[in-house]
PDB file of all heavy atoms in Angstrom:
ATOM      1  N   LEU A   1       0.820  -1.225   0.000  1.00  0.00           N
ATOM      2  CA  LEU A   1       0.000   0.000   0.000  1.00  0.00           C
ATOM      3  C   LEU A   1       0.851   1.272   0.000  1.00  0.00           C
ATOM      4  O   LEU A   1       0.411   2.332   0.450  1.00  0.00           O
ATOM      5  CB  LEU A   1      -0.961   0.031   1.197  1.00  0.00           C
ATOM      6  CG  LEU A   1      -2.027  -1.056   1.259  1.00  0.00           C
ATOM      7  CD1 LEU A   1      -2.981  -0.780   2.429  1.00  0.00           C
ATOM      8  CD2 LEU A   1      -2.810  -1.156  -0.043  1.00  0.00           C
ATOM      9  N   GLY A   2       2.076   1.172  -0.496  1.00  0.00           N
ATOM     10  CA  GLY A   2       2.923   2.363  -0.526  1.00  0.00           C
ATOM     11  C   GLY A   2       3.502   2.724   0.827  1.00  0.00           C
ATOM     12  O   GLY A   2       3.897   3.872   1.052  1.00  0.00           O
ATOM     13  N   LYS A   3       3.557   1.755   1.738  1.00  0.00           N
ATOM     14  CA  LYS A   3       4.192   1.923   3.049  1.00  0.00           C
ATOM     15  C   LYS A   3       3.647   3.123   3.837  1.00  0.00           C
ATOM     16  O   LYS A   3       4.381   4.089   4.121  1.00  0.00           O
ATOM     17  CB  LYS A   3       5.713   2.007   2.898  1.00  0.00           C
ATOM     18  CG  LYS A   3       6.312   0.740   2.284  1.00  0.00           C
ATOM     19  CD  LYS A   3       7.783   0.608   2.557  1.00  0.00           C
ATOM     20  CE  LYS A   3       8.269  -0.802   2.228  1.00  0.00           C
ATOM     21  NZ  LYS A   3       9.663  -1.028   2.606  1.00  0.00           N
ATOM     22  N   PRO A   4       2.374   3.075   4.197  1.00  0.00           N
ATOM     23  CA  PRO A   4       1.788   4.191   4.961  1.00  0.00           C
ATOM     24  C   PRO A   4       2.415   4.316   6.345  1.00  0.00           C
ATOM     25  O   PRO A   4       2.932   3.334   6.900  1.00  0.00           O
ATOM     26  CB  PRO A   4       0.314   3.790   5.068  1.00  0.00           C
ATOM     27  CG  PRO A   4       0.309   2.297   4.956  1.00  0.00           C
ATOM     28  CD  PRO A   4       1.416   1.976   3.986  1.00  0.00           C
ATOM     29  N   PRO A   5       2.349   5.511   6.939  1.00  0.00           N
ATOM     30  CA  PRO A   5       2.991   5.751   8.242  1.00  0.00           C
ATOM     31  C   PRO A   5       2.133   5.257   9.407  1.00  0.00           C
ATOM     32  O   PRO A   5       1.641   6.040  10.215  1.00  0.00           O
ATOM     33  CB  PRO A   5       3.149   7.270   8.261  1.00  0.00           C
ATOM     34  CG  PRO A   5       1.987   7.767   7.458  1.00  0.00           C
ATOM     35  CD  PRO A   5       1.774   6.749   6.369  1.00  0.00           C
ATOM     36  N   VAL A   6       1.968   3.950   9.495  1.00  0.00           N
ATOM     37  CA  VAL A   6       1.075   3.368  10.497  1.00  0.00           C
ATOM     38  C   VAL A   6       1.525   3.712  11.910  1.00  0.00           C
ATOM     39  O   VAL A   6       0.701   4.026  12.781  1.00  0.00           O
ATOM     40  CB  VAL A   6       0.986   1.841  10.320  1.00  0.00           C
ATOM     41  CG1 VAL A   6       0.037   1.237  11.360  1.00  0.00           C
ATOM     42  CG2 VAL A   6       0.524   1.474   8.912  1.00  0.00           C
ATOM     43  N   ALA A   7       2.819   3.661  12.168  1.00  0.00           N
ATOM     44  CA  ALA A   7       3.316   3.896  13.526  1.00  0.00           C
ATOM     45  C   ALA A   7       2.954   5.281  14.039  1.00  0.00           C
ATOM     46  O   ALA A   7       2.718   5.467  15.239  1.00  0.00           O
ATOM     47  CB  ALA A   7       4.832   3.691  13.575  1.00  0.00           C
ATOM     48  N   SER A   8       2.882   6.258  13.140  1.00  0.00           N
ATOM     49  CA  SER A   8       2.558   7.616  13.557  1.00  0.00           C
ATOM     50  C   SER A   8       1.058   7.851  13.654  1.00  0.00           C
ATOM     51  O   SER A   8       0.618   8.836  14.258  1.00  0.00           O
ATOM     52  CB  SER A   8       3.160   8.621  12.575  1.00  0.00           C
ATOM     53  OG  SER A   8       2.468   8.577  11.330  1.00  0.00           O
ATOM     54  N   GLY A   9       0.273   6.974  13.018  1.00  0.00           N
ATOM     55  CA  GLY A   9      -1.173   7.141  13.045  1.00  0.00           C
ATOM     56  C   GLY A   9      -1.709   8.196  12.103  1.00  0.00           C
ATOM     57  O   GLY A   9      -2.908   8.493  12.116  1.00  0.00           O
ATOM     58  N   THR A  10      -0.861   8.775  11.260  1.00  0.00           N
ATOM     59  CA  THR A  10      -1.308   9.813  10.337  1.00  0.00           C
ATOM     60  C   THR A  10      -1.680   9.192   8.989  1.00  0.00           C
ATOM     61  O   THR A  10      -1.142   8.152   8.596  1.00  0.00           O
ATOM     62  CB  THR A  10      -0.221  10.871  10.121  1.00  0.00           C
ATOM     63  OG1 THR A  10       0.969  10.221   9.639  1.00  0.00           O
ATOM     64  CG2 THR A  10       0.094  11.585  11.429  1.00  0.00           C
ATOM     65  N   LEU A  11      -2.591   9.856   8.283  1.00  0.00           N
ATOM     66  CA  LEU A  11      -3.027   9.369   6.979  1.00  0.00           C
ATOM     67  C   LEU A  11      -2.480  10.190   5.814  1.00  0.00           C
ATOM     68  O   LEU A  11      -2.182   9.649   4.743  1.00  0.00           O
ATOM     69  CB  LEU A  11      -4.559   9.365   6.905  1.00  0.00           C
ATOM     70  CG  LEU A  11      -5.289   8.316   7.748  1.00  0.00           C
ATOM     71  CD1 LEU A  11      -6.789   8.548   7.703  1.00  0.00           C
ATOM     72  CD2 LEU A  11      -4.956   6.913   7.261  1.00  0.00           C
ATOM     73  N   GLU A  12      -2.372  11.479   6.003  1.00  0.00           N
ATOM     74  CA  GLU A  12      -1.923  12.349   4.913  1.00  0.00           C
ATOM     75  C   GLU A  12      -0.431  12.680   5.021  1.00  0.00           C
ATOM     76  O   GLU A  12       0.103  12.746   6.129  1.00  0.00           O
ATOM     77  CB  GLU A  12      -2.742  13.644   4.920  1.00  0.00           C
ATOM     78  CG  GLU A  12      -4.208  13.457   4.604  1.00  0.00           C
ATOM     79  CD  GLU A  12      -4.466  12.957   3.198  1.00  0.00           C
ATOM     80  OE1 GLU A  12      -3.541  12.978   2.339  1.00  0.00           O
ATOM     81  OE2 GLU A  12      -5.589  12.521   2.931  1.00  0.00           O
ATOM     82  N   PRO A  13       0.234  12.852   3.873  1.00  0.00           N
ATOM     83  CA  PRO A  13      -0.305  12.884   2.506  1.00  0.00           C
ATOM     84  C   PRO A  13      -0.407  11.519   1.830  1.00  0.00           C
ATOM     85  O   PRO A  13      -0.756  11.448   0.651  1.00  0.00           O
ATOM     86  CB  PRO A  13       0.699  13.769   1.777  1.00  0.00           C
ATOM     87  CG  PRO A  13       1.998  13.463   2.466  1.00  0.00           C
ATOM     88  CD  PRO A  13       1.654  13.252   3.918  1.00  0.00           C
ATOM     89  N   TRP A  14      -0.108  10.455   2.577  1.00  0.00           N
ATOM     90  CA  TRP A  14      -0.156   9.116   1.975  1.00  0.00           C
ATOM     91  C   TRP A  14      -1.508   8.816   1.342  1.00  0.00           C
ATOM     92  O   TRP A  14      -1.578   8.345   0.195  1.00  0.00           O
ATOM     93  CB  TRP A  14       0.160   8.055   3.040  1.00  0.00           C
ATOM     94  CG  TRP A  14      -0.233   6.674   2.618  1.00  0.00           C
ATOM     95  CD1 TRP A  14       0.481   5.825   1.816  1.00  0.00           C
ATOM     96  CD2 TRP A  14      -1.461   5.990   2.922  1.00  0.00           C
ATOM     97  NE1 TRP A  14      -0.218   4.659   1.611  1.00  0.00           N
ATOM     98  CE2 TRP A  14      -1.410   4.741   2.279  1.00  0.00           C
ATOM     99  CE3 TRP A  14      -2.585   6.314   3.690  1.00  0.00           C
ATOM    100  CZ2 TRP A  14      -2.455   3.811   2.385  1.00  0.00           C
ATOM    101  CZ3 TRP A  14      -3.630   5.407   3.784  1.00  0.00           C
ATOM    102  CH2 TRP A  14      -3.558   4.160   3.139  1.00  0.00           C
ATOM    103  N   ALA A  15      -2.600   9.093   2.055  1.00  0.00           N
ATOM    104  CA  ALA A  15      -3.926   8.717   1.565  1.00  0.00           C
ATOM    105  C   ALA A  15      -4.250   9.408   0.243  1.00  0.00           C
ATOM    106  O   ALA A  15      -4.792   8.789  -0.684  1.00  0.00           O
ATOM    107  CB  ALA A  15      -4.986   9.030   2.608  1.00  0.00           C
ATOM    108  N   SER A  16      -3.921  10.684   0.139  1.00  0.00           N
ATOM    109  CA  SER A  16      -4.195  11.411  -1.105  1.00  0.00           C
ATOM    110  C   SER A  16      -3.399  10.836  -2.264  1.00  0.00           C
ATOM    111  O   SER A  16      -3.905  10.693  -3.383  1.00  0.00           O
ATOM    112  CB  SER A  16      -3.876  12.891  -0.932  1.00  0.00           C
ATOM    113  OG  SER A  16      -4.752  13.488   0.005  1.00  0.00           O
ATOM    114  N   GLY A  17      -2.144  10.483  -1.995  1.00  0.00           N
ATOM    115  CA  GLY A  17      -1.314   9.880  -3.035  1.00  0.00           C
ATOM    116  C   GLY A  17      -1.842   8.535  -3.475  1.00  0.00           C
ATOM    117  O   GLY A  17      -1.865   8.222  -4.673  1.00  0.00           O
ATOM    118  N   LEU A  18      -2.262   7.730  -2.509  1.00  0.00           N
ATOM    119  CA  LEU A  18      -2.817   6.419  -2.832  1.00  0.00           C
ATOM    120  C   LEU A  18      -4.084   6.557  -3.664  1.00  0.00           C
ATOM    121  O   LEU A  18      -4.274   5.847  -4.664  1.00  0.00           O
ATOM    122  CB  LEU A  18      -3.121   5.650  -1.544  1.00  0.00           C
ATOM    123  CG  LEU A  18      -3.673   4.241  -1.794  1.00  0.00           C
ATOM    124  CD1 LEU A  18      -2.552   3.223  -1.700  1.00  0.00           C
ATOM    125  CD2 LEU A  18      -4.777   3.881  -0.825  1.00  0.00           C
ATOM    126  N   CYS A  19      -4.966   7.454  -3.283  1.00  0.00           N
ATOM    127  CA  CYS A  19      -6.225   7.626  -3.995  1.00  0.00           C
ATOM    128  C   CYS A  19      -5.998   8.138  -5.416  1.00  0.00           C
ATOM    129  O   CYS A  19      -6.707   7.734  -6.350  1.00  0.00           O
ATOM    130  CB  CYS A  19      -7.147   8.569  -3.232  1.00  0.00           C
ATOM    131  SG  CYS A  19      -7.776   7.867  -1.680  1.00  0.00           S
ATOM    132  N   ALA A  20      -5.013   9.004  -5.587  1.00  0.00           N
ATOM    133  CA  ALA A  20      -4.690   9.488  -6.930  1.00  0.00           C
ATOM    134  C   ALA A  20      -4.204   8.343  -7.812  1.00  0.00           C
ATOM    135  O   ALA A  20      -4.546   8.270  -9.004  1.00  0.00           O
ATOM    136  CB  ALA A  20      -3.645  10.591  -6.848  1.00  0.00           C
ATOM    137  N   LEU A  21      -3.413   7.446  -7.246  1.00  0.00           N
ATOM    138  CA  LEU A  21      -2.940   6.286  -8.006  1.00  0.00           C
ATOM    139  C   LEU A  21      -4.107   5.361  -8.334  1.00  0.00           C
ATOM    140  O   LEU A  21      -4.237   4.867  -9.459  1.00  0.00           O
ATOM    141  CB  LEU A  21      -1.871   5.540  -7.218  1.00  0.00           C
ATOM    142  CG  LEU A  21      -1.181   4.384  -7.953  1.00  0.00           C
ATOM    143  CD1 LEU A  21      -0.346   4.909  -9.129  1.00  0.00           C
ATOM    144  CD2 LEU A  21      -0.301   3.581  -6.999  1.00  0.00           C
ATOM    145  N   ALA A  22      -4.966   5.121  -7.355  1.00  0.00           N
ATOM    146  CA  ALA A  22      -6.099   4.209  -7.544  1.00  0.00           C
ATOM    147  C   ALA A  22      -7.090   4.732  -8.571  1.00  0.00           C
ATOM    148  O   ALA A  22      -7.851   3.952  -9.148  1.00  0.00           O
ATOM    149  CB  ALA A  22      -6.799   3.974  -6.214  1.00  0.00           C
ATOM    150  N   ALA A  23      -7.086   6.037  -8.806  1.00  0.00           N
ATOM    151  CA  ALA A  23      -8.009   6.608  -9.796  1.00  0.00           C
ATOM    152  C   ALA A  23      -7.669   6.174 -11.213  1.00  0.00           C
ATOM    153  O   ALA A  23      -8.508   6.304 -12.115  1.00  0.00           O
ATOM    154  CB  ALA A  23      -7.988   8.131  -9.698  1.00  0.00           C
ATOM    155  N   LEU A  24      -6.469   5.648 -11.425  1.00  0.00           N
ATOM    156  CA  LEU A  24      -6.055   5.172 -12.737  1.00  0.00           C
ATOM    157  C   LEU A  24      -6.415   3.691 -12.877  1.00  0.00           C
ATOM    158  O   LEU A  24      -6.126   2.893 -11.979  1.00  0.00           O
ATOM    159  CB  LEU A  24      -4.553   5.362 -12.919  1.00  0.00           C
ATOM    160  CG  LEU A  24      -4.080   6.821 -12.846  1.00  0.00           C
ATOM    161  CD1 LEU A  24      -2.566   6.882 -12.784  1.00  0.00           C
ATOM    162  CD2 LEU A  24      -4.603   7.606 -14.043  1.00  0.00           C
ATOM    163  N   PRO A  25      -7.026   3.293 -13.980  1.00  0.00           N
ATOM    164  CA  PRO A  25      -7.538   1.918 -14.101  1.00  0.00           C
ATOM    165  C   PRO A  25      -6.461   0.856 -14.220  1.00  0.00           C
ATOM    166  O   PRO A  25      -6.748  -0.328 -14.002  1.00  0.00           O
ATOM    167  CB  PRO A  25      -8.389   1.973 -15.373  1.00  0.00           C
ATOM    168  CG  PRO A  25      -7.814   3.111 -16.165  1.00  0.00           C
ATOM    169  CD  PRO A  25      -7.372   4.120 -15.150  1.00  0.00           C
ATOM    170  N   ASN A  26      -5.239   1.243 -14.542  1.00  0.00           N
ATOM    171  CA  ASN A  26      -4.157   0.265 -14.713  1.00  0.00           C
ATOM    172  C   ASN A  26      -3.332   0.093 -13.446  1.00  0.00           C
ATOM    173  O   ASN A  26      -2.146  -0.244 -13.507  1.00  0.00           O
ATOM    174  CB  ASN A  26      -3.246   0.664 -15.880  1.00  0.00           C
ATOM    175  CG  ASN A  26      -2.614   2.045 -15.713  1.00  0.00           C
ATOM    176  OD1 ASN A  26      -3.258   2.966 -15.229  1.00  0.00           O
ATOM    177  ND2 ASN A  26      -1.365   2.193 -16.134  1.00  0.00           N
ATOM    178  N   THR A  27      -3.955   0.295 -12.284  1.00  0.00           N
ATOM    179  CA  THR A  27      -3.253   0.137 -11.013  1.00  0.00           C
ATOM    180  C   THR A  27      -4.005  -0.814 -10.094  1.00  0.00           C
ATOM    181  O   THR A  27      -5.236  -0.844 -10.084  1.00  0.00           O
ATOM    182  CB  THR A  27      -3.074   1.484 -10.291  1.00  0.00           C
ATOM    183  OG1 THR A  27      -4.366   2.023  -9.959  1.00  0.00           O
ATOM    184  CG2 THR A  27      -2.319   2.477 -11.168  1.00  0.00           C
ATOM    185  N   VAL A  28      -3.244  -1.582  -9.332  1.00  0.00           N
ATOM    186  CA  VAL A  28      -3.782  -2.447  -8.282  1.00  0.00           C
ATOM    187  C   VAL A  28      -2.834  -2.336  -7.093  1.00  0.00           C
ATOM    188  O   VAL A  28      -1.780  -1.718  -7.181  1.00  0.00           O
ATOM    189  CB  VAL A  28      -3.910  -3.914  -8.745  1.00  0.00           C
ATOM    190  CG1 VAL A  28      -4.889  -4.040  -9.897  1.00  0.00           C
ATOM    191  CG2 VAL A  28      -2.558  -4.479  -9.151  1.00  0.00           C
ATOM    192  N   ALA A  29      -3.211  -2.932  -5.965  1.00  0.00           N
ATOM    193  CA  ALA A  29      -2.381  -2.805  -4.761  1.00  0.00           C
ATOM    194  C   ALA A  29      -2.426  -4.076  -3.932  1.00  0.00           C
ATOM    195  O   ALA A  29      -3.365  -4.876  -4.030  1.00  0.00           O
ATOM    196  CB  ALA A  29      -2.833  -1.608  -3.927  1.00  0.00           C
TER     197      ALA A  29
END
C-alpha cells in the first residue's frame, strides 16, 4: 500500500497519493 505511516497514526499525505494512483484503471495494490 505504498508503506503508509502506520506507527505515527497519520493518513496524509499518503492517503491522497494512494487515492490518486487508484483513480487510474491500470493500477492495483
